[in-house]
Amino acid sequence: EVSGLGDYEYALDNIEGPYQDRPIFNGLSEGTHTIYVNDKNGCGIVERIIERELRPDDFPKFFTPNGDGINDFWQYIAPRENNEIQLSFIQVFDRYGVLLAQIMPNSKGWDGTFNGQPLPASSYWFKARDNLNNEIQGFFALKR
């Protein structure tokens, strides 16, 4: 988002343009894109790299809730290149589809318990939704 006084134009992936008056780009391919914002009054160009796609590979493949302080919680941590993505929720399910936990994106994560009891080493599933209502699913392992 650009704010302040000024008349701006926007280009996608090429500093030379073409530039357009609105900061909306449709039909983008998956992956990283660079947005260039130019002040039409000659005050300069700002470059911003964004990646809007949320992928299952962005989530940890396993965690080990054994109290040693290493990988004790399962939680999404946005990679630097994905800093534009904000999650609205993360849910964790067992292999039968039972909802075990709903994790707030700003919490420390899931500790591998259900109703206060430690769950066994196994595969678990997650569902996450980002701020653009894109929803993904994936799986991970709890190792004991």
C-alpha atoms as a PDB file:
ATOM      1  CA  GLU A   1       0.000   0.000   0.000  1.00  0.00           C
ATOM      2  CA  VAL A   2       1.278   3.450  -0.920  1.00  0.00           C
ATOM      3  CA  SER A   3       0.238   6.419   1.170  1.00  0.00           C
ATOM      4  CA  GLY A   4       0.908  10.114   1.280  1.00  0.00           C
ATOM      5  CA  LEU A   5       0.429  12.935  -1.133  1.00  0.00           C
ATOM      6  CA  GLY A   6       1.435  12.169  -4.654  1.00  0.00           C
ATOM      7  CA  ASP A   7       0.418  10.708  -7.927  1.00  0.00           C
ATOM      8  CA  TYR A   8       1.705   7.152  -8.292  1.00  0.00           C
ATOM      9  CA  GLU A   9       1.950   4.546 -11.035  1.00  0.00           C
ATOM     10  CA  TYR A  10       2.767   0.848 -10.734  1.00  0.00           C
ATOM     11  CA  ALA A  11       4.717  -1.750 -12.734  1.00  0.00           C
ATOM     12  CA  LEU A  12       5.081  -5.480 -12.231  1.00  0.00           C
ATOM     13  CA  ASP A  13       8.431  -7.295 -12.516  1.00  0.00           C
ATOM     14  CA  ASN A  14      10.069  -4.679 -14.780  1.00  0.00           C
ATOM     15  CA  ILE A  15      11.371  -1.299 -13.618  1.00  0.00           C
ATOM     16  CA  GLU A  16      11.029  -0.028 -17.203  1.00  0.00           C
ATOM     17  CA  GLY A  17       7.298  -0.742 -17.187  1.00  0.00           C
ATOM     18  CA  PRO A  18       4.770  -0.697 -18.576  1.00  0.00           C
ATOM     19  CA  TYR A  19       3.326   1.321 -15.689  1.00  0.00           C
ATOM     20  CA  GLN A  20      -0.361   1.541 -14.821  1.00  0.00           C
ATOM     21  CA  ASP A  21      -2.376   3.862 -12.601  1.00  0.00           C
ATOM     22  CA  ARG A  22      -3.878   1.203 -10.303  1.00  0.00           C
ATOM     23  CA  PRO A  23      -1.938  -1.113  -7.936  1.00  0.00           C
ATOM     24  CA  ILE A  24      -3.992  -4.156  -8.924  1.00  0.00           C
ATOM     25  CA  PHE A  25      -2.482  -6.983 -10.971  1.00  0.00           C
ATOM     26  CA  ASN A  26      -4.665  -9.923 -11.998  1.00  0.00           C
ATOM     27  CA  GLY A  27      -3.785 -13.345 -13.382  1.00  0.00           C
ATOM     28  CA  LEU A  28      -0.337 -13.523 -11.803  1.00  0.00           C
ATOM     29  CA  SER A  29       1.705 -16.685 -12.031  1.00  0.00           C
ATOM     30  CA  GLU A  30       2.698 -18.428  -8.809  1.00  0.00           C
ATOM     31  CA  GLY A  31       5.937 -17.281  -7.252  1.00  0.00           C
ATOM     32  CA  THR A  32       7.782 -14.111  -6.410  1.00  0.00           C
ATOM     33  CA  HIS A  33       6.921 -10.806  -8.067  1.00  0.00           C
ATOM     34  CA  THR A  34       8.448  -7.348  -7.787  1.00  0.00           C
ATOM     35  CA  ILE A  35       6.192  -4.286  -7.670  1.00  0.00           C
ATOM     36  CA  TYR A  36       7.699  -0.943  -8.709  1.00  0.00           C
ATOM     37  CA  VAL A  37       5.978   2.226  -7.503  1.00  0.00           C
ATOM     38  CA  ASN A  38       6.877   5.418  -9.329  1.00  0.00           C
ATOM     39  CA  ASP A  39       5.967   8.917  -8.218  1.00  0.00           C
ATOM     40  CA  LYS A  40       4.724  10.627 -11.389  1.00  0.00           C
ATOM     41  CA  ASN A  41       6.171  13.907 -10.110  1.00  0.00           C
ATOM     42  CA  GLY A  42       9.709  12.547 -10.313  1.00  0.00           C
ATOM     43  CA  CYS A  43      10.336  11.803  -6.638  1.00  0.00           C
ATOM     44  CA  GLY A  44      11.676   8.312  -7.329  1.00  0.00           C
ATOM     45  CA  ILE A  45      10.826   4.652  -7.652  1.00  0.00           C
ATOM     46  CA  VAL A  46      10.285   2.232  -4.789  1.00  0.00           C
ATOM     47  CA  GLU A  47      10.863  -1.500  -5.265  1.00  0.00           C
ATOM     48  CA  ARG A  48       8.938  -4.074  -3.248  1.00  0.00           C
ATOM     49  CA  ILE A  49       9.308  -7.833  -3.637  1.00  0.00           C
ATOM     50  CA  ILE A  50       6.307  -9.932  -2.669  1.00  0.00           C
ATOM     51  CA  GLU A  51       5.294 -13.542  -2.839  1.00  0.00           C
ATOM     52  CA  ARG A  52       1.585 -14.027  -2.368  1.00  0.00           C
ATOM     53  CA  GLU A  53       1.278 -17.803  -2.635  1.00  0.00           C
ATOM     54  CA  LEU A  54       1.021 -19.863   0.529  1.00  0.00           C
ATOM     55  CA  ARG A  55       2.345 -23.427   0.088  1.00  0.00           C
ATOM     56  CA  PRO A  56       2.365 -26.551   2.280  1.00  0.00           C
ATOM     57  CA  ASP A  57       6.177 -26.489   2.030  1.00  0.00           C
ATOM     58  CA  ASP A  58       6.131 -23.265   4.093  1.00  0.00           C
ATOM     59  CA  PHE A  59       5.155 -25.307   7.170  1.00  0.00           C
ATOM     60  CA  PRO A  60       7.422 -27.520   9.322  1.00  0.00           C
ATOM     61  CA  LYS A  61       7.562 -31.177   8.243  1.00  0.00           C
ATOM     62  CA  PHE A  62       7.870 -32.459  11.815  1.00  0.00           C
ATOM     63  CA  PHE A  63       8.235 -31.459  15.453  1.00  0.00           C
ATOM     64  CA  THR A  64       9.421 -33.195  18.624  1.00  0.00           C
ATOM     65  CA  PRO A  65       7.465 -32.063  21.709  1.00  0.00           C
ATOM     66  CA  ASN A  66       9.776 -33.673  24.268  1.00  0.00           C
ATOM     67  CA  GLY A  67      10.539 -30.656  26.470  1.00  0.00           C
ATOM     68  CA  ASP A  68      14.136 -30.143  25.326  1.00  0.00           C
ATOM     69  CA  GLY A  69      13.398 -26.640  24.013  1.00  0.00           C
ATOM     70  CA  ILE A  70      14.082 -27.617  20.376  1.00  0.00           C
ATOM     71  CA  ASN A  71      11.126 -28.090  17.991  1.00  0.00           C
ATOM     72  CA  ASP A  72       8.732 -28.505  20.931  1.00  0.00           C
ATOM     73  CA  PHE A  73       5.925 -26.631  19.141  1.00  0.00           C
ATOM     74  CA  TRP A  74       4.535 -26.912  15.625  1.00  0.00           C
ATOM     75  CA  GLN A  75       3.895 -23.466  14.138  1.00  0.00           C
ATOM     76  CA  TYR A  76       4.128 -21.632  10.832  1.00  0.00           C
ATOM     77  CA  ILE A  77       6.946 -19.109  10.677  1.00  0.00           C
ATOM     78  CA  ALA A  78       6.821 -17.003   7.536  1.00  0.00           C
ATOM     79  CA  PRO A  79      10.024 -17.030   5.507  1.00  0.00           C
ATOM     80  CA  ARG A  80      11.450 -13.581   4.835  1.00  0.00           C
ATOM     81  CA  GLU A  81      10.373 -13.688   1.201  1.00  0.00           C
ATOM     82  CA  ASN A  82       6.779 -14.461   2.287  1.00  0.00           C
ATOM     83  CA  ASN A  83       6.429 -11.492   4.626  1.00  0.00           C
ATOM     84  CA  GLU A  84       3.283 -10.308   2.847  1.00  0.00           C
ATOM     85  CA  ILE A  85       1.318 -13.394   3.877  1.00  0.00           C
ATOM     86  CA  GLN A  86      -0.792 -13.081   7.004  1.00  0.00           C
ATOM     87  CA  LEU A  87      -2.593 -16.200   8.219  1.00  0.00           C
ATOM     88  CA  SER A  88      -6.106 -15.970   9.586  1.00  0.00           C
ATOM     89  CA  PHE A  89      -6.094 -19.484  11.083  1.00  0.00           C
ATOM     90  CA  ILE A  90      -4.284 -22.805  11.301  1.00  0.00           C
ATOM     91  CA  GLN A  91      -6.114 -25.999  12.255  1.00  0.00           C
ATOM     92  CA  VAL A  92      -4.556 -29.363  13.169  1.00  0.00           C
ATOM     93  CA  PHE A  93      -6.351 -32.689  12.558  1.00  0.00           C
ATOM     94  CA  ASP A  94      -5.608 -36.336  13.206  1.00  0.00           C
ATOM     95  CA  ARG A  95      -5.704 -38.862  10.363  1.00  0.00           C
ATOM     96  CA  TYR A  96      -9.428 -39.438  10.961  1.00  0.00           C
ATOM     97  CA  GLY A  97     -10.274 -35.768  10.505  1.00  0.00           C
ATOM     98  CA  VAL A  98     -10.821 -34.943  14.185  1.00  0.00           C
ATOM     99  CA  LEU A  99      -9.978 -31.309  14.903  1.00  0.00           C
ATOM    100  CA  LEU A 100      -7.264 -31.339  17.567  1.00  0.00           C
ATOM    101  CA  ALA A 101      -6.226 -27.704  17.747  1.00  0.00           C
ATOM    102  CA  GLN A 102      -6.801 -24.297  16.260  1.00  0.00           C
ATOM    103  CA  ILE A 103      -3.595 -22.292  16.437  1.00  0.00           C
ATOM    104  CA  MET A 104      -3.448 -18.535  16.389  1.00  0.00           C
ATOM    105  CA  PRO A 105      -0.723 -17.454  13.937  1.00  0.00           C
ATOM    106  CA  ASN A 106       0.942 -15.255  16.575  1.00  0.00           C
ATOM    107  CA  SER A 107       1.019 -17.977  19.263  1.00  0.00           C
ATOM    108  CA  LYS A 108       3.925 -20.287  20.067  1.00  0.00           C
ATOM    109  CA  GLY A 109       2.084 -23.119  18.275  1.00  0.00           C
ATOM    110  CA  TRP A 110       0.726 -26.594  18.960  1.00  0.00           C
ATOM    111  CA  ASP A 111       2.362 -28.654  21.704  1.00  0.00           C
ATOM    112  CA  GLY A 112       1.219 -32.096  20.509  1.00  0.00           C
ATOM    113  CA  THR A 113      -1.560 -32.540  23.054  1.00  0.00           C
ATOM    114  CA  PHE A 114      -5.320 -32.982  22.886  1.00  0.00           C
ATOM    115  CA  ASN A 115      -7.398 -32.169  25.984  1.00  0.00           C
ATOM    116  CA  GLY A 116      -4.139 -31.902  27.931  1.00  0.00           C
ATOM    117  CA  GLN A 117      -2.936 -35.403  26.996  1.00  0.00           C
ATOM    118  CA  PRO A 118       0.143 -36.037  24.814  1.00  0.00           C
ATOM    119  CA  LEU A 119      -0.712 -37.553  21.452  1.00  0.00           C
ATOM    120  CA  PRO A 120       1.282 -40.433  19.948  1.00  0.00           C
ATOM    121  CA  ALA A 121       3.963 -40.142  17.303  1.00  0.00           C
ATOM    122  CA  SER A 122       2.080 -40.130  14.013  1.00  0.00           C
ATOM    123  CA  SER A 123       1.211 -38.091  10.946  1.00  0.00           C
ATOM    124  CA  TYR A 124      -1.126 -35.142  11.424  1.00  0.00           C
ATOM    125  CA  TRP A 125      -2.864 -32.858   8.957  1.00  0.00           C
ATOM    126  CA  PHE A 126      -3.239 -29.111   8.911  1.00  0.00           C
ATOM    127  CA  LYS A 127      -5.414 -26.581   7.161  1.00  0.00           C
ATOM    128  CA  ALA A 128      -4.445 -22.911   6.958  1.00  0.00           C
ATOM    129  CA  ARG A 129      -6.085 -19.838   5.468  1.00  0.00           C
ATOM    130  CA  ASP A 130      -4.314 -16.612   4.583  1.00  0.00           C
ATOM    131  CA  ASN A 131      -5.574 -13.035   4.549  1.00  0.00           C
ATOM    132  CA  LEU A 132      -6.608 -13.413   0.884  1.00  0.00           C
ATOM    133  CA  ASN A 133      -8.825 -16.436   1.741  1.00  0.00           C
ATOM    134  CA  ASN A 134      -6.459 -18.882   0.033  1.00  0.00           C
ATOM    135  CA  GLU A 135      -6.698 -22.181   1.862  1.00  0.00           C
ATOM    136  CA  ILE A 136      -4.108 -24.953   1.825  1.00  0.00           C
ATOM    137  CA  GLN A 137      -3.758 -28.356   3.433  1.00  0.00           C
ATOM    138  CA  GLY A 138      -0.753 -30.469   4.236  1.00  0.00           C
ATOM    139  CA  PHE A 139       0.652 -32.963   6.687  1.00  0.00           C
ATOM    140  CA  PHE A 140       3.494 -33.214   9.177  1.00  0.00           C
ATOM    141  CA  ALA A 141       4.884 -35.696  11.684  1.00  0.00           C
ATOM    142  CA  LEU A 142       4.863 -35.619  15.457  1.00  0.00           C
ATOM    143  CA  LYS A 143       7.964 -37.526  16.614  1.00  0.00           C
ATOM    144  CA  ARG A 144       8.473 -38.675  20.188  1.00  0.00           C
END
